[in-house]
Amino acid sequence: MNSSQSKVQEPNPQLQTQNSSPSTARTAHIFISTGEVSGDLQGSLLIHALNQQAKERGLDLKVTALGGDRMAAVGAKLLGHTSEIGSMGILESLPLFFQP
């Protein structure tokens, strides 16, 4: 091949879903972890914005998270609900250390 010919690049298999062809949507999977209520709010706003961007770019976005109800409401699959562990102050935190 001489310098005037262009190379055709193969599709990147990491950007494709398992059973997809290059013409179908690509999947992006992210993980978000929050520690308390305000993090759940910020995480939900981030997920909402990422969903909009993914839709505009033809991406299928999957979000897995440690978060709360707000993140779940915008489409995150929760691995754990953080509302049970959020606390303020040393006295409020002590019972969390002694849970089985």
Protein backbone atom coordinates (compact mmCIF):
# COMPACT_ATOMS: atom_id res chain seq x y z
CA MET A 1 0.00 0.00 0.00
CA ASN A 2 1.46 3.37 -0.95
CA SER A 3 1.05 6.63 0.97
CA SER A 4 -1.79 7.86 -1.26
CA GLN A 5 -4.03 4.95 -0.24
CA SER A 6 -5.94 5.15 3.00
CA LYS A 7 -6.29 2.35 5.51
CA VAL A 8 -9.71 1.12 6.52
CA GLN A 9 -9.88 0.68 10.27
CA GLU A 10 -11.72 -2.27 11.72
CA PRO A 11 -14.47 -1.49 14.26
CA ASN A 12 -13.28 -1.52 17.87
CA PRO A 13 -14.81 -4.67 19.43
CA GLN A 14 -14.66 -3.13 22.92
CA LEU A 15 -17.24 -0.53 21.89
CA GLN A 16 -19.80 -3.09 20.74
CA THR A 17 -22.32 -5.11 22.71
CA GLN A 18 -21.90 -8.87 22.78
CA ASN A 19 -24.54 -9.67 20.17
CA SER A 20 -24.31 -6.57 18.05
CA SER A 21 -23.14 -5.63 14.64
CA PRO A 22 -21.19 -2.42 13.95
CA SER A 23 -24.44 -0.74 12.86
CA THR A 24 -26.20 -1.14 16.24
CA ALA A 25 -25.88 0.99 19.35
CA ARG A 26 -22.73 0.77 21.44
CA THR A 27 -22.92 0.21 25.19
CA ALA A 28 -21.17 2.22 27.87
CA HIS A 29 -21.21 0.91 31.44
CA ILE A 30 -20.21 3.10 34.37
CA PHE A 31 -20.15 2.74 38.16
CA ILE A 32 -20.97 5.60 40.54
CA SER A 33 -20.61 5.44 44.32
CA THR A 34 -22.14 7.94 46.73
CA GLY A 35 -22.05 7.99 50.49
CA GLU A 36 -25.10 9.91 51.60
CA VAL A 37 -28.19 11.90 50.60
CA SER A 38 -26.48 14.85 48.91
CA GLY A 39 -24.32 12.42 46.92
CA ASP A 40 -27.50 10.66 45.79
CA LEU A 41 -28.84 13.99 44.52
CA GLN A 42 -25.61 14.89 42.71
CA GLY A 43 -25.33 11.36 41.32
CA SER A 44 -28.88 11.51 39.96
CA LEU A 45 -28.16 14.81 38.21
CA LEU A 46 -24.98 13.33 36.71
CA ILE A 47 -26.79 10.19 35.53
CA HIS A 48 -29.58 12.29 33.98
CA ALA A 49 -27.02 14.39 32.06
CA LEU A 50 -25.06 11.30 30.97
CA ASN A 51 -28.28 9.65 29.75
CA GLN A 52 -29.04 12.71 27.61
CA GLN A 53 -25.51 12.74 26.16
CA ALA A 54 -25.61 8.99 25.50
CA LYS A 55 -28.95 9.29 23.70
CA GLU A 56 -27.60 12.08 21.48
CA ARG A 57 -24.57 9.94 20.57
CA GLY A 58 -26.47 6.70 20.01
CA LEU A 59 -24.96 4.98 23.05
CA ASP A 60 -26.74 2.53 25.31
CA LEU A 61 -25.75 3.67 28.82
CA LYS A 62 -25.81 1.27 31.76
CA VAL A 63 -25.22 2.73 35.24
CA THR A 64 -24.48 0.59 38.28
CA ALA A 65 -24.29 2.41 41.60
CA LEU A 66 -24.13 2.58 45.34
CA GLY A 67 -26.73 5.26 45.89
CA GLY A 68 -30.27 6.06 46.84
CA ASP A 69 -33.79 6.49 45.52
CA ARG A 70 -32.95 9.48 43.31
CA MET A 71 -30.24 7.59 41.43
CA ALA A 72 -32.52 4.58 41.02
CA ALA A 73 -35.29 6.85 39.69
CA VAL A 74 -33.08 8.03 36.80
CA GLY A 75 -32.07 4.52 35.81
CA ALA A 76 -29.18 3.38 37.98
CA LYS A 77 -29.11 -0.28 39.00
CA LEU A 78 -28.32 -0.12 42.72
CA LEU A 79 -25.90 -2.62 44.19
CA GLY A 80 -26.54 -1.13 47.62
CA HIS A 81 -28.75 1.58 49.08
CA THR A 82 -26.70 4.22 50.88
CA SER A 83 -29.55 5.76 52.88
CA GLU A 84 -28.95 3.16 55.59
CA ILE A 85 -25.30 4.13 56.07
CA GLY A 86 -25.36 7.92 55.83
CA SER A 87 -24.89 9.69 59.16
CA MET A 88 -23.61 12.91 60.70
CA GLY A 89 -21.40 13.13 63.74
CA ILE A 90 -19.37 10.64 65.73
CA LEU A 91 -22.21 9.41 67.98
CA GLU A 92 -24.50 8.72 65.05
CA SER A 93 -21.75 6.75 63.30
CA LEU A 94 -20.82 4.44 66.20
CA PRO A 95 -23.69 1.95 65.74
CA LEU A 96 -22.54 1.37 62.14
CA PHE A 97 -19.22 -0.02 63.38
CA PHE A 98 -20.89 -2.66 65.55
CA GLN A 99 -23.29 -4.10 62.98
CA PRO A 100 -22.67 -7.74 61.99
